[in-house]
Amino acid sequence: MQNDYAVDVEVQMQNLYQSLSEKDRRRYAAVEASKLGHGGIGYIADLLGCHPDTIAQGKRDLANLPHDEAQGRIRKKGRDAQLLANTSQASSMRSRLKSKRKRLDRRSAAAKSGRTWDCE
């Protein structure tokens, strides 16, 4: 597929897309895809790094704009980062507990087999 925009314009589009809220990203991608016609959804999805379904949702959003139920509601940025950090901390804790259990199991197995660790 040929590039429909110059490279410098594509970079500007990507920068703009990254600066928008989630809802506005969908809508912007939908407008750009509509301007291109056939093949526009795939091109814009690749260019902006979004899923074609996101663009389809953006088109539905645009069709309902005068009666937007989500008017004024914007998801707060950073929530995903908090969730990932909490998940990462919990995962680290599980990993530490798992290795501690393995160490204790090895010591228990060694004690049952009669091995001693004394250096005389």
N, C-alpha and C. Protein backbone atom coordinates (compact mmCIF):
# COMPACT_ATOMS: atom_id res chain seq x y z
N MET A 1 0.85 -1.19 0.00
CA MET A 1 0.00 0.00 0.00
C MET A 1 0.89 1.24 0.00
N GLN A 2 0.57 2.19 -0.81
CA GLN A 2 1.36 3.41 -0.87
C GLN A 2 1.04 4.30 0.33
N ASN A 3 2.01 5.13 0.69
CA ASN A 3 1.77 6.10 1.76
C ASN A 3 0.91 7.22 1.22
N ASP A 4 -0.11 7.56 1.94
CA ASP A 4 -1.03 8.61 1.50
C ASP A 4 -0.59 9.99 1.98
N TYR A 5 0.28 10.04 2.97
CA TYR A 5 0.76 11.31 3.50
C TYR A 5 2.28 11.32 3.47
N ALA A 6 2.85 12.52 3.42
CA ALA A 6 4.30 12.67 3.50
C ALA A 6 4.76 12.26 4.90
N VAL A 7 6.01 11.85 5.00
CA VAL A 7 6.55 11.36 6.27
C VAL A 7 6.43 12.41 7.37
N ASP A 8 6.73 13.67 7.07
CA ASP A 8 6.65 14.71 8.11
C ASP A 8 5.21 14.92 8.58
N VAL A 9 4.26 14.77 7.68
CA VAL A 9 2.84 14.89 8.06
C VAL A 9 2.44 13.69 8.92
N GLU A 10 2.93 12.51 8.57
CA GLU A 10 2.63 11.32 9.38
C GLU A 10 3.14 11.48 10.81
N VAL A 11 4.34 12.04 10.95
CA VAL A 11 4.91 12.26 12.29
C VAL A 11 4.05 13.24 13.07
N GLN A 12 3.60 14.31 12.41
CA GLN A 12 2.73 15.28 13.08
C GLN A 12 1.42 14.62 13.50
N MET A 13 0.88 13.78 12.64
CA MET A 13 -0.37 13.08 12.96
C MET A 13 -0.18 12.17 14.17
N GLN A 14 0.94 11.45 14.20
CA GLN A 14 1.21 10.55 15.32
C GLN A 14 1.38 11.34 16.62
N ASN A 15 2.08 12.46 16.56
CA ASN A 15 2.26 13.29 17.75
C ASN A 15 0.93 13.84 18.25
N LEU A 16 0.11 14.33 17.32
CA LEU A 16 -1.21 14.83 17.71
C LEU A 16 -2.03 13.71 18.34
N TYR A 17 -2.05 12.55 17.70
CA TYR A 17 -2.83 11.41 18.19
C TYR A 17 -2.43 11.05 19.63
N GLN A 18 -1.13 11.05 19.91
CA GLN A 18 -0.65 10.71 21.25
C GLN A 18 -1.04 11.75 22.29
N SER A 19 -1.29 12.98 21.86
CA SER A 19 -1.62 14.04 22.82
C SER A 19 -3.11 14.09 23.18
N LEU A 20 -3.93 13.31 22.46
CA LEU A 20 -5.38 13.37 22.65
C LEU A 20 -5.85 12.38 23.72
N SER A 21 -7.05 12.61 24.23
CA SER A 21 -7.68 11.66 25.14
C SER A 21 -8.10 10.44 24.33
N GLU A 22 -8.45 9.37 25.00
CA GLU A 22 -8.83 8.12 24.34
C GLU A 22 -10.00 8.33 23.37
N LYS A 23 -11.01 9.03 23.83
CA LYS A 23 -12.21 9.29 23.02
C LYS A 23 -11.84 10.13 21.79
N ASP A 24 -11.04 11.17 22.00
CA ASP A 24 -10.66 12.03 20.89
C ASP A 24 -9.74 11.30 19.91
N ARG A 25 -8.92 10.37 20.39
CA ARG A 25 -8.08 9.57 19.50
C ARG A 25 -8.94 8.76 18.53
N ARG A 26 -9.97 8.11 19.07
CA ARG A 26 -10.87 7.32 18.22
C ARG A 26 -11.48 8.19 17.13
N ARG A 27 -11.96 9.34 17.53
CA ARG A 27 -12.64 10.23 16.60
C ARG A 27 -11.67 10.79 15.55
N TYR A 28 -10.49 11.17 15.98
CA TYR A 28 -9.49 11.70 15.04
C TYR A 28 -9.11 10.63 14.02
N ALA A 29 -8.87 9.42 14.49
CA ALA A 29 -8.52 8.33 13.58
C ALA A 29 -9.65 8.06 12.59
N ALA A 30 -10.89 8.14 13.06
CA ALA A 30 -12.04 7.91 12.19
C ALA A 30 -12.14 8.98 11.11
N VAL A 31 -11.90 10.23 11.47
CA VAL A 31 -11.96 11.32 10.49
C VAL A 31 -10.87 11.13 9.43
N GLU A 32 -9.66 10.82 9.88
CA GLU A 32 -8.56 10.63 8.93
C GLU A 32 -8.83 9.45 8.01
N ALA A 33 -9.34 8.35 8.55
CA ALA A 33 -9.64 7.18 7.73
C ALA A 33 -10.74 7.50 6.73
N SER A 34 -11.72 8.27 7.13
CA SER A 34 -12.81 8.64 6.23
C SER A 34 -12.32 9.49 5.07
N LYS A 35 -11.36 10.36 5.32
CA LYS A 35 -10.81 11.21 4.26
C LYS A 35 -10.14 10.37 3.17
N LEU A 36 -9.58 9.23 3.56
CA LEU A 36 -8.82 8.42 2.61
C LEU A 36 -9.67 7.47 1.79
N GLY A 37 -10.87 7.17 2.27
CA GLY A 37 -11.72 6.25 1.53
C GLY A 37 -11.27 4.81 1.66
N HIS A 38 -11.38 4.03 0.57
CA HIS A 38 -11.07 2.60 0.59
C HIS A 38 -9.62 2.36 1.05
N GLY A 39 -9.45 1.50 2.04
CA GLY A 39 -8.12 1.20 2.57
C GLY A 39 -7.67 2.17 3.65
N GLY A 40 -8.46 3.19 3.89
CA GLY A 40 -8.07 4.21 4.87
C GLY A 40 -8.00 3.70 6.29
N ILE A 41 -8.91 2.81 6.65
CA ILE A 41 -8.91 2.29 8.03
C ILE A 41 -7.62 1.53 8.32
N GLY A 42 -7.23 0.65 7.41
CA GLY A 42 -5.99 -0.11 7.60
C GLY A 42 -4.77 0.78 7.65
N TYR A 43 -4.71 1.76 6.75
CA TYR A 43 -3.58 2.68 6.71
C TYR A 43 -3.47 3.48 8.00
N ILE A 44 -4.58 4.05 8.45
CA ILE A 44 -4.57 4.87 9.66
C ILE A 44 -4.31 4.01 10.90
N ALA A 45 -4.88 2.81 10.94
CA ALA A 45 -4.63 1.91 12.07
C ALA A 45 -3.14 1.60 12.18
N ASP A 46 -2.51 1.31 11.04
CA ASP A 46 -1.06 1.05 11.05
C ASP A 46 -0.27 2.29 11.44
N LEU A 47 -0.65 3.41 10.87
CA LEU A 47 0.08 4.66 11.12
C LEU A 47 0.01 5.08 12.58
N LEU A 48 -1.19 5.01 13.16
CA LEU A 48 -1.38 5.50 14.52
C LEU A 48 -1.21 4.42 15.59
N GLY A 49 -1.08 3.17 15.15
CA GLY A 49 -0.87 2.08 16.10
C GLY A 49 -2.12 1.74 16.88
N CYS A 50 -3.27 1.82 16.23
CA CYS A 50 -4.52 1.47 16.91
C CYS A 50 -5.18 0.32 16.15
N HIS A 51 -6.17 -0.27 16.74
CA HIS A 51 -6.89 -1.38 16.13
C HIS A 51 -7.97 -0.84 15.19
N PRO A 52 -8.21 -1.51 14.08
CA PRO A 52 -9.28 -1.06 13.19
C PRO A 52 -10.64 -0.95 13.88
N ASP A 53 -10.89 -1.79 14.89
CA ASP A 53 -12.14 -1.69 15.64
C ASP A 53 -12.25 -0.36 16.38
N THR A 54 -11.10 0.18 16.79
CA THR A 54 -11.08 1.49 17.45
C THR A 54 -11.57 2.56 16.50
N ILE A 55 -11.14 2.46 15.25
CA ILE A 55 -11.58 3.43 14.25
C ILE A 55 -13.07 3.27 13.96
N ALA A 56 -13.53 2.01 13.91
CA ALA A 56 -14.96 1.77 13.70
C ALA A 56 -15.78 2.38 14.84
N GLN A 57 -15.29 2.24 16.07
CA GLN A 57 -15.98 2.85 17.22
C GLN A 57 -15.95 4.36 17.10
N GLY A 58 -14.84 4.91 16.63
CA GLY A 58 -14.75 6.36 16.42
C GLY A 58 -15.77 6.85 15.41
N LYS A 59 -15.99 6.04 14.36
CA LYS A 59 -17.01 6.42 13.37
C LYS A 59 -18.39 6.42 14.00
N ARG A 60 -18.67 5.45 14.87
CA ARG A 60 -19.97 5.43 15.57
C ARG A 60 -20.08 6.63 16.50
N ASP A 61 -18.97 6.97 17.17
CA ASP A 61 -18.97 8.14 18.05
C ASP A 61 -19.32 9.40 17.25
N LEU A 62 -18.70 9.54 16.08
CA LEU A 62 -18.93 10.73 15.26
C LEU A 62 -20.38 10.80 14.78
N ALA A 63 -20.96 9.66 14.50
CA ALA A 63 -22.35 9.63 14.04
C ALA A 63 -23.31 10.10 15.13
N ASN A 64 -22.92 9.94 16.41
CA ASN A 64 -23.77 10.31 17.54
C ASN A 64 -23.34 11.60 18.22
N LEU A 65 -22.48 12.37 17.58
CA LEU A 65 -21.91 13.55 18.23
C LEU A 65 -22.91 14.54 18.81
N PRO A 66 -23.96 14.90 18.14
CA PRO A 66 -24.85 15.87 18.78
C PRO A 66 -25.45 15.35 20.09
N HIS A 67 -25.55 14.03 20.22
CA HIS A 67 -26.16 13.42 21.40
C HIS A 67 -25.16 12.53 22.11
N ASP A 68 -23.96 13.05 22.37
CA ASP A 68 -22.88 12.27 22.97
C ASP A 68 -23.16 12.05 24.45
N GLU A 69 -23.37 10.80 24.83
CA GLU A 69 -23.63 10.45 26.23
C GLU A 69 -22.39 10.65 27.10
N ALA A 70 -21.23 10.58 26.48
CA ALA A 70 -19.98 10.69 27.24
C ALA A 70 -19.42 12.11 27.26
N GLN A 71 -20.23 13.08 26.88
CA GLN A 71 -19.77 14.46 26.83
C GLN A 71 -19.18 14.89 28.17
N GLY A 72 -17.96 15.38 28.14
CA GLY A 72 -17.32 15.88 29.35
C GLY A 72 -16.65 14.82 30.20
N ARG A 73 -16.88 13.55 29.88
CA ARG A 73 -16.23 12.48 30.65
C ARG A 73 -14.96 12.07 29.94
N ILE A 74 -13.86 12.18 30.64
CA ILE A 74 -12.58 11.75 30.09
C ILE A 74 -11.90 10.89 31.14
N ARG A 75 -11.44 9.73 30.70
CA ARG A 75 -10.74 8.82 31.61
C ARG A 75 -9.44 9.47 32.05
N LYS A 76 -9.15 9.37 33.34
CA LYS A 76 -7.94 9.97 33.86
C LYS A 76 -6.73 9.19 33.38
N LYS A 77 -5.71 9.91 32.95
CA LYS A 77 -4.49 9.27 32.51
C LYS A 77 -3.72 8.76 33.72
N GLY A 78 -2.96 7.70 33.49
CA GLY A 78 -2.10 7.18 34.54
C GLY A 78 -2.69 6.03 35.32
N ARG A 79 -3.95 5.74 35.16
CA ARG A 79 -4.59 4.66 35.90
C ARG A 79 -3.98 3.32 35.52
N ASP A 80 -3.73 3.12 34.23
CA ASP A 80 -3.13 1.86 33.79
C ASP A 80 -1.75 1.68 34.40
N ALA A 81 -1.00 2.77 34.48
CA ALA A 81 0.34 2.69 35.06
C ALA A 81 0.27 2.28 36.53
N GLN A 82 -0.72 2.81 37.26
CA GLN A 82 -0.90 2.43 38.65
C GLN A 82 -1.24 0.95 38.76
N LEU A 83 -2.15 0.48 37.92
CA LEU A 83 -2.55 -0.92 37.95
C LEU A 83 -1.38 -1.83 37.63
N LEU A 84 -0.57 -1.44 36.65
CA LEU A 84 0.59 -2.25 36.30
C LEU A 84 1.60 -2.28 37.45
N ALA A 85 1.80 -1.15 38.10
CA ALA A 85 2.73 -1.11 39.22
C ALA A 85 2.25 -2.00 40.36
N ASN A 86 0.95 -1.95 40.67
CA ASN A 86 0.40 -2.79 41.73
C ASN A 86 0.52 -4.26 41.37
N THR A 87 0.25 -4.59 40.12
CA THR A 87 0.37 -5.97 39.65
C THR A 87 1.81 -6.43 39.74
N SER A 88 2.73 -5.55 39.36
CA SER A 88 4.15 -5.87 39.39
C SER A 88 4.61 -6.12 40.82
N GLN A 89 4.16 -5.29 41.76
CA GLN A 89 4.53 -5.47 43.16
C GLN A 89 3.99 -6.78 43.69
N ALA A 90 2.75 -7.10 43.37
CA ALA A 90 2.15 -8.36 43.82
C ALA A 90 2.88 -9.54 43.21
N SER A 91 3.25 -9.42 41.95
CA SER A 91 3.97 -10.49 41.27
C SER A 91 5.34 -10.69 41.91
N SER A 92 6.02 -9.61 42.24
CA SER A 92 7.32 -9.71 42.91
C SER A 92 7.19 -10.38 44.26
N MET A 93 6.14 -10.03 44.99
CA MET A 93 5.90 -10.62 46.30
C MET A 93 5.66 -12.12 46.17
N ARG A 94 4.83 -12.51 45.20
CA ARG A 94 4.57 -13.94 44.97
C ARG A 94 5.86 -14.68 44.61
N SER A 95 6.68 -14.05 43.79
CA SER A 95 7.93 -14.66 43.37
C SER A 95 8.86 -14.86 44.56
N ARG A 96 8.95 -13.86 45.44
CA ARG A 96 9.80 -13.98 46.63
C ARG A 96 9.29 -15.08 47.55
N LEU A 97 7.97 -15.14 47.73
CA LEU A 97 7.40 -16.18 48.59
C LEU A 97 7.62 -17.57 48.00
N LYS A 98 7.51 -17.68 46.70
CA LYS A 98 7.71 -18.96 46.04
C LYS A 98 9.15 -19.44 46.21
N SER A 99 10.13 -18.55 46.03
CA SER A 99 11.53 -18.96 46.18
C SER A 99 11.84 -19.28 47.65
N LYS A 100 11.20 -18.58 48.58
CA LYS A 100 11.41 -18.87 50.00
C LYS A 100 10.85 -20.26 50.33
N ARG A 101 9.68 -20.59 49.77
CA ARG A 101 9.10 -21.93 49.98
C ARG A 101 10.00 -23.01 49.42
N LYS A 102 10.58 -22.77 48.24
CA LYS A 102 11.49 -23.75 47.65
C LYS A 102 12.71 -23.97 48.53
N ARG A 103 13.27 -22.87 49.06
CA ARG A 103 14.43 -22.99 49.96
C ARG A 103 14.07 -23.81 51.19
N LEU A 104 12.91 -23.50 51.78
CA LEU A 104 12.48 -24.24 52.97
C LEU A 104 12.22 -25.72 52.64
N ASP A 105 11.65 -25.99 51.48
CA ASP A 105 11.41 -27.38 51.06
C ASP A 105 12.72 -28.12 50.88
N ARG A 106 13.71 -27.47 50.30
CA ARG A 106 15.02 -28.12 50.12
C ARG A 106 15.66 -28.42 51.47
N ARG A 107 15.57 -27.48 52.40
CA ARG A 107 16.14 -27.71 53.74
C ARG A 107 15.41 -28.86 54.43
N SER A 108 14.09 -28.88 54.29
CA SER A 108 13.30 -29.94 54.90
C SER A 108 13.66 -31.29 54.30
N ALA A 109 13.83 -31.36 52.99
CA ALA A 109 14.20 -32.61 52.32
C ALA A 109 15.58 -33.05 52.75
N ALA A 110 16.50 -32.10 52.90
CA ALA A 110 17.86 -32.43 53.33
C ALA A 110 17.84 -32.97 54.76
N ALA A 111 17.03 -32.38 55.62
CA ALA A 111 16.94 -32.83 57.00
C ALA A 111 16.37 -34.24 57.06
N LYS A 112 15.39 -34.53 56.24
CA LYS A 112 14.77 -35.87 56.23
C LYS A 112 15.75 -36.93 55.70
N SER A 113 16.63 -36.53 54.80
CA SER A 113 17.57 -37.51 54.23
C SER A 113 18.78 -37.71 55.13
N GLY A 114 18.90 -36.92 56.17
CA GLY A 114 20.00 -37.09 57.12
C GLY A 114 21.24 -36.30 56.77
N ARG A 115 21.20 -35.51 55.72
CA ARG A 115 22.36 -34.69 55.38
C ARG A 115 22.52 -33.59 56.42
N THR A 116 23.74 -33.31 56.72
CA THR A 116 24.04 -32.20 57.65
C THR A 116 24.87 -31.18 56.93
N TRP A 117 24.78 -30.00 57.40
CA TRP A 117 25.49 -28.90 56.76
C TRP A 117 26.62 -28.37 57.66
N ASP A 118 26.94 -29.10 58.70
CA ASP A 118 27.99 -28.66 59.62
C ASP A 118 29.35 -28.83 58.96
N CYS A 119 30.19 -27.85 59.12
CA CYS A 119 31.57 -27.92 58.63
C CYS A 119 32.45 -28.14 59.84
N GLU A 120 33.06 -29.32 59.95
CA GLU A 120 33.86 -29.60 61.14
C GLU A 120 35.32 -29.41 60.87
